[in-house]
Amino acid sequence: MSGDTIAAISTPIGEGGIGIVRLSGPDAIEIAHRLFRSPRGVDIRGVPTHTIHYGHVLFNGETIDEVLLSVMRAPGTYTREDVVEINCHGGIVAVRLVL
């Protein structure tokens, strides 16, 4: 699977205040860039590693959820790959929509 970018729900299924979707791999930041919009116009492709950004995940121009997005660049991550974590509202509906 080397070279693949994966996305998965990282929090348990069920009720909770926060849900996390994690992307890991060479295209993680680019994929997140296509989905994420910051009200301040932050382009996450150029942000420093290990930073958190407020914004919205969009699908077809519509807001899916209000989120905090963490960008962690290789090789300074557990997997030694680029990693993006999207912290959204909890519960299976919001998390699945973000995924």
PDB file of N, CA and C in Angstrom:
ATOM      1  N   MET A   1       0.805  -1.200   0.000  1.00  0.00           N
ATOM      2  CA  MET A   1       0.000   0.000   0.000  1.00  0.00           C
ATOM      3  C   MET A   1       0.845   1.260   0.000  1.00  0.00           C
ATOM      4  N   SER A   2       2.131   1.146  -0.096  1.00  0.00           N
ATOM      5  CA  SER A   2       3.000   2.310  -0.107  1.00  0.00           C
ATOM      6  C   SER A   2       2.591   3.265  -1.225  1.00  0.00           C
ATOM      7  N   GLY A   3       2.513   4.542  -0.888  1.00  0.00           N
ATOM      8  CA  GLY A   3       2.136   5.530  -1.878  1.00  0.00           C
ATOM      9  C   GLY A   3       0.662   5.863  -1.905  1.00  0.00           C
ATOM     10  N   ASP A   4      -0.163   5.071  -1.250  1.00  0.00           N
ATOM     11  CA  ASP A   4      -1.598   5.330  -1.209  1.00  0.00           C
ATOM     12  C   ASP A   4      -1.920   6.354  -0.128  1.00  0.00           C
ATOM     13  N   THR A   5      -2.989   7.090  -0.332  1.00  0.00           N
ATOM     14  CA  THR A   5      -3.528   7.971   0.695  1.00  0.00           C
ATOM     15  C   THR A   5      -4.813   7.340   1.188  1.00  0.00           C
ATOM     16  N   ILE A   6      -4.933   7.213   2.511  1.00  0.00           N
ATOM     17  CA  ILE A   6      -6.121   6.597   3.091  1.00  0.00           C
ATOM     18  C   ILE A   6      -6.866   7.622   3.937  1.00  0.00           C
ATOM     19  N   ALA A   7      -8.165   7.411   4.079  1.00  0.00           N
ATOM     20  CA  ALA A   7      -9.009   8.239   4.940  1.00  0.00           C
ATOM     21  C   ALA A   7      -9.889   7.306   5.746  1.00  0.00           C
ATOM     22  N   ALA A   8     -10.031   7.607   7.037  1.00  0.00           N
ATOM     23  CA  ALA A   8     -10.830   6.746   7.905  1.00  0.00           C
ATOM     24  C   ALA A   8     -11.355   7.547   9.088  1.00  0.00           C
ATOM     25  N   ILE A   9     -12.445   7.067   9.644  1.00  0.00           N
ATOM     26  CA  ILE A   9     -12.976   7.619  10.889  1.00  0.00           C
ATOM     27  C   ILE A   9     -12.084   7.115  12.017  1.00  0.00           C
ATOM     28  N   SER A  10     -11.609   8.035  12.867  1.00  0.00           N
ATOM     29  CA  SER A  10     -10.663   7.678  13.925  1.00  0.00           C
ATOM     30  C   SER A  10     -11.277   7.645  15.314  1.00  0.00           C
ATOM     31  N   THR A  11     -12.539   7.985  15.428  1.00  0.00           N
ATOM     32  CA  THR A  11     -13.211   7.957  16.722  1.00  0.00           C
ATOM     33  C   THR A  11     -14.224   6.825  16.732  1.00  0.00           C
ATOM     34  N   PRO A  12     -14.573   6.334  17.929  1.00  0.00           N
ATOM     35  CA  PRO A  12     -15.546   5.240  18.003  1.00  0.00           C
ATOM     36  C   PRO A  12     -16.907   5.658  17.456  1.00  0.00           C
ATOM     37  N   ILE A  13     -17.608   4.718  16.874  1.00  0.00           N
ATOM     38  CA  ILE A  13     -18.974   4.955  16.408  1.00  0.00           C
ATOM     39  C   ILE A  13     -19.864   5.118  17.638  1.00  0.00           C
ATOM     40  N   GLY A  14     -20.751   6.087  17.596  1.00  0.00           N
ATOM     41  CA  GLY A  14     -21.658   6.305  18.715  1.00  0.00           C
ATOM     42  C   GLY A  14     -21.760   7.781  19.034  1.00  0.00           C
ATOM     43  N   GLU A  15     -22.343   8.067  20.177  1.00  0.00           N
ATOM     44  CA  GLU A  15     -22.539   9.446  20.590  1.00  0.00           C
ATOM     45  C   GLU A  15     -21.239  10.033  21.103  1.00  0.00           C
ATOM     46  N   GLY A  16     -21.025  11.296  20.790  1.00  0.00           N
ATOM     47  CA  GLY A  16     -19.844  11.996  21.269  1.00  0.00           C
ATOM     48  C   GLY A  16     -19.874  13.428  20.783  1.00  0.00           C
ATOM     49  N   GLY A  17     -19.137  14.271  21.446  1.00  0.00           N
ATOM     50  CA  GLY A  17     -19.115  15.678  21.083  1.00  0.00           C
ATOM     51  C   GLY A  17     -18.284  15.971  19.848  1.00  0.00           C
ATOM     52  N   ILE A  18     -17.231  15.168  19.649  1.00  0.00           N
ATOM     53  CA  ILE A  18     -16.303  15.397  18.545  1.00  0.00           C
ATOM     54  C   ILE A  18     -16.063  14.091  17.814  1.00  0.00           C
ATOM     55  N   GLY A  19     -15.991  14.179  16.489  1.00  0.00           N
ATOM     56  CA  GLY A  19     -15.600  13.049  15.656  1.00  0.00           C
ATOM     57  C   GLY A  19     -14.360  13.433  14.873  1.00  0.00           C
ATOM     58  N   ILE A  20     -13.497  12.464  14.611  1.00  0.00           N
ATOM     59  CA  ILE A  20     -12.257  12.741  13.885  1.00  0.00           C
ATOM     60  C   ILE A  20     -12.177  11.873  12.646  1.00  0.00           C
ATOM     61  N   VAL A  21     -11.880  12.525  11.522  1.00  0.00           N
ATOM     62  CA  VAL A  21     -11.577  11.829  10.272  1.00  0.00           C
ATOM     63  C   VAL A  21     -10.108  12.097   9.986  1.00  0.00           C
ATOM     64  N   ARG A  22      -9.343  11.026   9.760  1.00  0.00           N
ATOM     65  CA  ARG A  22      -7.901  11.157   9.521  1.00  0.00           C
ATOM     66  C   ARG A  22      -7.560  10.758   8.092  1.00  0.00           C
ATOM     67  N   LEU A  23      -6.765  11.588   7.439  1.00  0.00           N
ATOM     68  CA  LEU A  23      -6.203  11.283   6.120  1.00  0.00           C
ATOM     69  C   LEU A  23      -4.704  11.116   6.304  1.00  0.00           C
ATOM     70  N   SER A  24      -4.130  10.092   5.673  1.00  0.00           N
ATOM     71  CA  SER A  24      -2.702   9.840   5.796  1.00  0.00           C
ATOM     72  C   SER A  24      -2.153   9.374   4.460  1.00  0.00           C
ATOM     73  N   GLY A  25      -1.080  10.015   4.008  1.00  0.00           N
ATOM     74  CA  GLY A  25      -0.457   9.627   2.751  1.00  0.00           C
ATOM     75  C   GLY A  25      -0.021  10.837   1.957  1.00  0.00           C
ATOM     76  N   PRO A  26       0.572  10.599   0.795  1.00  0.00           N
ATOM     77  CA  PRO A  26       1.162  11.693   0.021  1.00  0.00           C
ATOM     78  C   PRO A  26       0.162  12.728  -0.497  1.00  0.00           C
ATOM     79  N   ASP A  27      -1.102  12.371  -0.639  1.00  0.00           N
ATOM     80  CA  ASP A  27      -2.109  13.313  -1.148  1.00  0.00           C
ATOM     81  C   ASP A  27      -3.039  13.847  -0.063  1.00  0.00           C
ATOM     82  N   ALA A  28      -2.746  13.580   1.204  1.00  0.00           N
ATOM     83  CA  ALA A  28      -3.646  13.962   2.293  1.00  0.00           C
ATOM     84  C   ALA A  28      -3.915  15.463   2.324  1.00  0.00           C
ATOM     85  N   ILE A  29      -2.879  16.268   2.207  1.00  0.00           N
ATOM     86  CA  ILE A  29      -3.052  17.718   2.301  1.00  0.00           C
ATOM     87  C   ILE A  29      -3.799  18.251   1.085  1.00  0.00           C
ATOM     88  N   GLU A  30      -3.486  17.747  -0.090  1.00  0.00           N
ATOM     89  CA  GLU A  30      -4.180  18.192  -1.308  1.00  0.00           C
ATOM     90  C   GLU A  30      -5.664  17.820  -1.262  1.00  0.00           C
ATOM     91  N   ILE A  31      -5.977  16.618  -0.815  1.00  0.00           N
ATOM     92  CA  ILE A  31      -7.381  16.192  -0.707  1.00  0.00           C
ATOM     93  C   ILE A  31      -8.122  17.094   0.278  1.00  0.00           C
ATOM     94  N   ALA A  32      -7.516  17.339   1.438  1.00  0.00           N
ATOM     95  CA  ALA A  32      -8.154  18.198   2.435  1.00  0.00           C
ATOM     96  C   ALA A  32      -8.337  19.617   1.895  1.00  0.00           C
ATOM     97  N   HIS A  33      -7.375  20.094   1.124  1.00  0.00           N
ATOM     98  CA  HIS A  33      -7.479  21.433   0.522  1.00  0.00           C
ATOM     99  C   HIS A  33      -8.727  21.551  -0.358  1.00  0.00           C
ATOM    100  N   ARG A  34      -9.071  20.499  -1.058  1.00  0.00           N
ATOM    101  CA  ARG A  34     -10.247  20.524  -1.943  1.00  0.00           C
ATOM    102  C   ARG A  34     -11.558  20.606  -1.163  1.00  0.00           C
ATOM    103  N   LEU A  35     -11.557  20.140   0.092  1.00  0.00           N
ATOM    104  CA  LEU A  35     -12.777  20.075   0.903  1.00  0.00           C
ATOM    105  C   LEU A  35     -12.919  21.220   1.893  1.00  0.00           C
ATOM    106  N   PHE A  36     -11.811  21.800   2.317  1.00  0.00           N
ATOM    107  CA  PHE A  36     -11.775  22.720   3.449  1.00  0.00           C
ATOM    108  C   PHE A  36     -11.753  24.173   2.991  1.00  0.00           C
ATOM    109  N   ARG A  37     -12.550  25.006   3.648  1.00  0.00           N
ATOM    110  CA  ARG A  37     -12.525  26.445   3.407  1.00  0.00           C
ATOM    111  C   ARG A  37     -12.430  27.172   4.738  1.00  0.00           C
ATOM    112  N   SER A  38     -11.447  28.046   4.816  1.00  0.00           N
ATOM    113  CA  SER A  38     -11.243  28.872   5.991  1.00  0.00           C
ATOM    114  C   SER A  38     -11.896  30.228   5.756  1.00  0.00           C
ATOM    115  N   PRO A  39     -12.598  30.783   6.745  1.00  0.00           N
ATOM    116  CA  PRO A  39     -13.183  32.111   6.554  1.00  0.00           C
ATOM    117  C   PRO A  39     -12.109  33.191   6.384  1.00  0.00           C
ATOM    118  N   ARG A  40     -10.877  32.892   6.792  1.00  0.00           N
ATOM    119  CA  ARG A  40      -9.769  33.842   6.660  1.00  0.00           C
ATOM    120  C   ARG A  40      -8.992  33.623   5.364  1.00  0.00           C
ATOM    121  N   GLY A  41      -9.406  32.653   4.558  1.00  0.00           N
ATOM    122  CA  GLY A  41      -8.745  32.407   3.288  1.00  0.00           C
ATOM    123  C   GLY A  41      -7.435  31.644   3.387  1.00  0.00           C
ATOM    124  N   VAL A  42      -7.232  30.917   4.480  1.00  0.00           N
ATOM    125  CA  VAL A  42      -5.997  30.152   4.671  1.00  0.00           C
ATOM    126  C   VAL A  42      -5.932  29.016   3.656  1.00  0.00           C
ATOM    127  N   ASP A  43      -4.811  28.917   2.959  1.00  0.00           N
ATOM    128  CA  ASP A  43      -4.556  27.804   2.038  1.00  0.00           C
ATOM    129  C   ASP A  43      -3.720  26.783   2.803  1.00  0.00           C
ATOM    130  N   ILE A  44      -4.319  25.661   3.168  1.00  0.00           N
ATOM    131  CA  ILE A  44      -3.630  24.703   4.035  1.00  0.00           C
ATOM    132  C   ILE A  44      -2.424  24.056   3.371  1.00  0.00           C
ATOM    133  N   ARG A  45      -2.303  24.184   2.064  1.00  0.00           N
ATOM    134  CA  ARG A  45      -1.140  23.610   1.383  1.00  0.00           C
ATOM    135  C   ARG A  45       0.151  24.323   1.774  1.00  0.00           C
ATOM    136  N   GLY A  46       0.039  25.544   2.286  1.00  0.00           N
ATOM    137  CA  GLY A  46       1.231  26.306   2.627  1.00  0.00           C
ATOM    138  C   GLY A  46       1.448  26.544   4.111  1.00  0.00           C
ATOM    139  N   VAL A  47       0.634  25.941   4.961  1.00  0.00           N
ATOM    140  CA  VAL A  47       0.759  26.197   6.396  1.00  0.00           C
ATOM    141  C   VAL A  47       1.882  25.353   7.003  1.00  0.00           C
ATOM    142  N   PRO A  48       2.448  25.815   8.119  1.00  0.00           N
ATOM    143  CA  PRO A  48       3.484  25.030   8.794  1.00  0.00           C
ATOM    144  C   PRO A  48       2.918  23.723   9.358  1.00  0.00           C
ATOM    145  N   THR A  49       3.811  22.789   9.601  1.00  0.00           N
ATOM    146  CA  THR A  49       3.400  21.519  10.181  1.00  0.00           C
ATOM    147  C   THR A  49       2.903  21.703  11.613  1.00  0.00           C
ATOM    148  N   HIS A  50       2.064  20.803  12.034  1.00  0.00           N
ATOM    149  CA  HIS A  50       1.504  20.756  13.384  1.00  0.00           C
ATOM    150  C   HIS A  50       0.775  22.051  13.744  1.00  0.00           C
ATOM    151  N   THR A  51      -0.097  22.484  12.824  1.00  0.00           N
ATOM    152  CA  THR A  51      -0.931  23.659  13.056  1.00  0.00           C
ATOM    153  C   THR A  51      -2.398  23.276  12.899  1.00  0.00           C
ATOM    154  N   ILE A  52      -3.266  24.049  13.551  1.00  0.00           N
ATOM    155  CA  ILE A  52      -4.709  23.789  13.543  1.00  0.00           C
ATOM    156  C   ILE A  52      -5.411  25.003  12.947  1.00  0.00           C
ATOM    157  N   HIS A  53      -6.433  24.729  12.124  1.00  0.00           N
ATOM    158  CA  HIS A  53      -7.120  25.798  11.398  1.00  0.00           C
ATOM    159  C   HIS A  53      -8.634  25.610  11.478  1.00  0.00           C
ATOM    160  N   TYR A  54      -9.336  26.718  11.715  1.00  0.00           N
ATOM    161  CA  TYR A  54     -10.794  26.718  11.783  1.00  0.00           C
ATOM    162  C   TYR A  54     -11.376  26.926  10.389  1.00  0.00           C
ATOM    163  N   GLY A  55     -12.472  26.219  10.104  1.00  0.00           N
ATOM    164  CA  GLY A  55     -13.163  26.439   8.839  1.00  0.00           C
ATOM    165  C   GLY A  55     -14.332  25.502   8.662  1.00  0.00           C
ATOM    166  N   HIS A  56     -14.662  25.236   7.405  1.00  0.00           N
ATOM    167  CA  HIS A  56     -15.806  24.398   7.058  1.00  0.00           C
ATOM    168  C   HIS A  56     -15.400  23.361   6.023  1.00  0.00           C
ATOM    169  N   VAL A  57     -15.995  22.184   6.115  1.00  0.00           N
ATOM    170  CA  VAL A  57     -15.862  21.178   5.067  1.00  0.00           C
ATOM    171  C   VAL A  57     -17.043  21.377   4.129  1.00  0.00           C
ATOM    172  N   LEU A  58     -16.745  21.473   2.835  1.00  0.00           N
ATOM    173  CA  LEU A  58     -17.772  21.710   1.823  1.00  0.00           C
ATOM    174  C   LEU A  58     -17.921  20.505   0.907  1.00  0.00           C
ATOM    175  N   PHE A  59     -19.125  20.317   0.402  1.00  0.00           N
ATOM    176  CA  PHE A  59     -19.403  19.332  -0.640  1.00  0.00           C
ATOM    177  C   PHE A  59     -20.356  19.988  -1.620  1.00  0.00           C
ATOM    178  N   ASN A  60     -19.958  20.064  -2.882  1.00  0.00           N
ATOM    179  CA  ASN A  60     -20.747  20.744  -3.920  1.00  0.00           C
ATOM    180  C   ASN A  60     -21.123  22.165  -3.508  1.00  0.00           C
ATOM    181  N   GLY A  61     -20.179  22.850  -2.857  1.00  0.00           N
ATOM    182  CA  GLY A  61     -20.395  24.235  -2.461  1.00  0.00           C
ATOM    183  C   GLY A  61     -21.210  24.429  -1.204  1.00  0.00           C
ATOM    184  N   GLU A  62     -21.711  23.359  -0.627  1.00  0.00           N
ATOM    185  CA  GLU A  62     -22.530  23.435   0.587  1.00  0.00           C
ATOM    186  C   GLU A  62     -21.708  23.029   1.809  1.00  0.00           C
ATOM    187  N   THR A  63     -21.911  23.733   2.918  1.00  0.00           N
ATOM    188  CA  THR A  63     -21.219  23.390   4.153  1.00  0.00           C
ATOM    189  C   THR A  63     -21.752  22.079   4.710  1.00  0.00           C
ATOM    190  N   ILE A  64     -20.831  21.142   4.939  1.00  0.00           N
ATOM    191  CA  ILE A  64     -21.166  19.865   5.579  1.00  0.00           C
ATOM    192  C   ILE A  64     -21.077  20.016   7.089  1.00  0.00           C
ATOM    193  N   ASP A  65     -19.980  20.655   7.559  1.00  0.00           N
ATOM    194  CA  ASP A  65     -19.798  20.831   8.996  1.00  0.00           C
ATOM    195  C   ASP A  65     -18.745  21.905   9.255  1.00  0.00           C
ATOM    196  N   GLU A  66     -18.833  22.472  10.441  1.00  0.00           N
ATOM    197  CA  GLU A  66     -17.848  23.411  10.955  1.00  0.00           C
ATOM    198  C   GLU A  66     -16.764  22.576  11.637  1.00  0.00           C
ATOM    199  N   VAL A  67     -15.484  22.807  11.300  1.00  0.00           N
ATOM    200  CA  VAL A  67     -14.432  21.892  11.736  1.00  0.00           C
ATOM    201  C   VAL A  67     -13.181  22.633  12.202  1.00  0.00           C
ATOM    202  N   LEU A  68     -12.333  21.868  12.891  1.00  0.00           N
ATOM    203  CA  LEU A  68     -10.945  22.242  13.126  1.00  0.00           C
ATOM    204  C   LEU A  68     -10.103  21.235  12.366  1.00  0.00           C
ATOM    205  N   LEU A  69      -9.154  21.718  11.584  1.00  0.00           N
ATOM    206  CA  LEU A  69      -8.344  20.856  10.732  1.00  0.00           C
ATOM    207  C   LEU A  69      -6.880  20.976  11.154  1.00  0.00           C
ATOM    208  N   SER A  70      -6.251  19.838  11.434  1.00  0.00           N
ATOM    209  CA  SER A  70      -4.837  19.790  11.823  1.00  0.00           C
ATOM    210  C   SER A  70      -4.010  19.300  10.649  1.00  0.00           C
ATOM    211  N   VAL A  71      -2.920  20.003  10.366  1.00  0.00           N
ATOM    212  CA  VAL A  71      -1.995  19.610   9.298  1.00  0.00           C
ATOM    213  C   VAL A  71      -0.679  19.193   9.944  1.00  0.00           C
ATOM    214  N   MET A  72      -0.245  17.967   9.646  1.00  0.00           N
ATOM    215  CA  MET A  72       1.022  17.448  10.161  1.00  0.00           C
ATOM    216  C   MET A  72       1.805  16.872   8.986  1.00  0.00           C
ATOM    217  N   ARG A  73       2.971  17.421   8.762  1.00  0.00           N
ATOM    218  CA  ARG A  73       3.753  17.064   7.574  1.00  0.00           C
ATOM    219  C   ARG A  73       4.781  15.969   7.870  1.00  0.00           C
ATOM    220  N   ALA A  74       4.999  15.136   6.841  1.00  0.00           N
ATOM    221  CA  ALA A  74       6.038  14.115   6.906  1.00  0.00           C
ATOM    222  C   ALA A  74       7.399  14.806   7.000  1.00  0.00           C
ATOM    223  N   PRO A  75       8.363  14.213   7.648  1.00  0.00           N
ATOM    224  CA  PRO A  75       8.349  12.908   8.301  1.00  0.00           C
ATOM    225  C   PRO A  75       8.020  12.991   9.786  1.00  0.00           C
ATOM    226  N   GLY A  76       7.519  14.154  10.255  1.00  0.00           N
ATOM    227  CA  GLY A  76       7.303  14.359  11.680  1.00  0.00           C
ATOM    228  C   GLY A  76       5.984  13.838  12.201  1.00  0.00           C
ATOM    229  N   THR A  77       5.516  12.706  11.681  1.00  0.00           N
ATOM    230  CA  THR A  77       4.268  12.096  12.143  1.00  0.00           C
ATOM    231  C   THR A  77       4.518  10.638  12.499  1.00  0.00           C
ATOM    232  N   TYR A  78       3.559  10.037  13.179  1.00  0.00           N
ATOM    233  CA  TYR A  78       3.683   8.639  13.591  1.00  0.00           C
ATOM    234  C   TYR A  78       3.896   7.723  12.391  1.00  0.00           C
ATOM    235  N   THR A  79       3.206   7.990  11.301  1.00  0.00           N
ATOM    236  CA  THR A  79       3.326   7.153  10.099  1.00  0.00           C
ATOM    237  C   THR A  79       4.460   7.611   9.181  1.00  0.00           C
ATOM    238  N   ARG A  80       5.081   8.755   9.506  1.00  0.00           N
ATOM    239  CA  ARG A  80       6.122   9.372   8.674  1.00  0.00           C
ATOM    240  C   ARG A  80       5.569   9.817   7.320  1.00  0.00           C
ATOM    241  N   GLU A  81       4.245   9.994   7.248  1.00  0.00           N
ATOM    242  CA  GLU A  81       3.558  10.483   6.048  1.00  0.00           C
ATOM    243  C   GLU A  81       2.863  11.793   6.396  1.00  0.00           C
ATOM    244  N   ASP A  82       2.440  12.539   5.374  1.00  0.00           N
ATOM    245  CA  ASP A  82       1.579  13.690   5.625  1.00  0.00           C
ATOM    246  C   ASP A  82       0.278  13.187   6.243  1.00  0.00           C
ATOM    247  N   VAL A  83      -0.192  13.892   7.280  1.00  0.00           N
ATOM    248  CA  VAL A  83      -1.434  13.521   7.963  1.00  0.00           C
ATOM    249  C   VAL A  83      -2.286  14.772   8.136  1.00  0.00           C
ATOM    250  N   VAL A  84      -3.580  14.625   7.879  1.00  0.00           N
ATOM    251  CA  VAL A  84      -4.557  15.677   8.162  1.00  0.00           C
ATOM    252  C   VAL A  84      -5.628  15.054   9.039  1.00  0.00           C
ATOM    253  N   GLU A  85      -5.943  15.712  10.144  1.00  0.00           N
ATOM    254  CA  GLU A  85      -7.048  15.280  10.997  1.00  0.00           C
ATOM    255  C   GLU A  85      -8.124  16.351  10.953  1.00  0.00           C
ATOM    256  N   ILE A  86      -9.340  15.920  10.656  1.00  0.00           N
ATOM    257  CA  ILE A  86     -10.484  16.820  10.608  1.00  0.00           C
ATOM    258  C   ILE A  86     -11.343  16.529  11.828  1.00  0.00           C
ATOM    259  N   ASN A  87     -11.411  17.492  12.745  1.00  0.00           N
ATOM    260  CA  ASN A  87     -12.226  17.373  13.949  1.00  0.00           C
ATOM    261  C   ASN A  87     -13.565  18.039  13.673  1.00  0.00           C
ATOM    262  N   CYS A  88     -14.605  17.219  13.596  1.00  0.00           N
ATOM    263  CA  CYS A  88     -15.944  17.716  13.276  1.00  0.00           C
ATOM    264  C   CYS A  88     -16.874  17.435  14.455  1.00  0.00           C
ATOM    265  N   HIS A  89     -18.145  17.758  14.283  1.00  0.00           N
ATOM    266  CA  HIS A  89     -19.116  17.433  15.316  1.00  0.00           C
ATOM    267  C   HIS A  89     -19.249  15.922  15.429  1.00  0.00           C
ATOM    268  N   GLY A  90     -19.523  15.455  16.629  1.00  0.00           N
ATOM    269  CA  GLY A  90     -19.615  14.020  16.877  1.00  0.00           C
ATOM    270  C   GLY A  90     -20.919  13.428  16.384  1.00  0.00           C
ATOM    271  N   GLY A  91     -20.985  12.117  16.479  1.00  0.00           N
ATOM    272  CA  GLY A  91     -22.142  11.383  15.980  1.00  0.00           C
ATOM    273  C   GLY A  91     -21.861  10.875  14.584  1.00  0.00           C
ATOM    274  N   ILE A  92     -22.449   9.771  14.254  1.00  0.00           N
ATOM    275  CA  ILE A  92     -22.110   9.084  13.013  1.00  0.00           C
ATOM    276  C   ILE A  92     -22.511   9.863  11.760  1.00  0.00           C
ATOM    277  N   VAL A  93     -23.581  10.631  11.804  1.00  0.00           N
ATOM    278  CA  VAL A  93     -24.043  11.334  10.604  1.00  0.00           C
ATOM    279  C   VAL A  93     -23.008  12.361  10.146  1.00  0.00           C
ATOM    280  N   ALA A  94     -22.588  13.246  11.033  1.00  0.00           N
ATOM    281  CA  ALA A  94     -21.616  14.278  10.660  1.00  0.00           C
ATOM    282  C   ALA A  94     -20.292  13.663  10.228  1.00  0.00           C
ATOM    283  N   VAL A  95     -19.824  12.670  10.964  1.00  0.00           N
ATOM    284  CA  VAL A  95     -18.529  12.059  10.651  1.00  0.00           C
ATOM    285  C   VAL A  95     -18.563  11.366   9.292  1.00  0.00           C
ATOM    286  N   ARG A  96     -19.622  10.647   9.008  1.00  0.00           N
ATOM    287  CA  ARG A  96     -19.722   9.977   7.701  1.00  0.00           C
ATOM    288  C   ARG A  96     -19.832  10.984   6.559  1.00  0.00           C
ATOM    289  N   LEU A  97     -20.533  12.078   6.781  1.00  0.00           N
ATOM    290  CA  LEU A  97     -20.624  13.106   5.739  1.00  0.00           C
ATOM    291  C   LEU A  97     -19.254  13.720   5.454  1.00  0.00           C
ATOM    292  N   VAL A  98     -18.481  13.968   6.491  1.00  0.00           N
ATOM    293  CA  VAL A  98     -17.138  14.519   6.301  1.00  0.00           C
ATOM    294  C   VAL A  98     -16.245  13.506   5.596  1.00  0.00           C
ATOM    295  N   LEU A  99     -16.346  12.242   5.977  1.00  0.00           N
ATOM    296  CA  LEU A  99     -15.542  11.198   5.319  1.00  0.00           C
ATOM    297  C   LEU A  99     -15.918  11.088   3.857  1.00  0.00           C
TER     298      LEU A  99
END
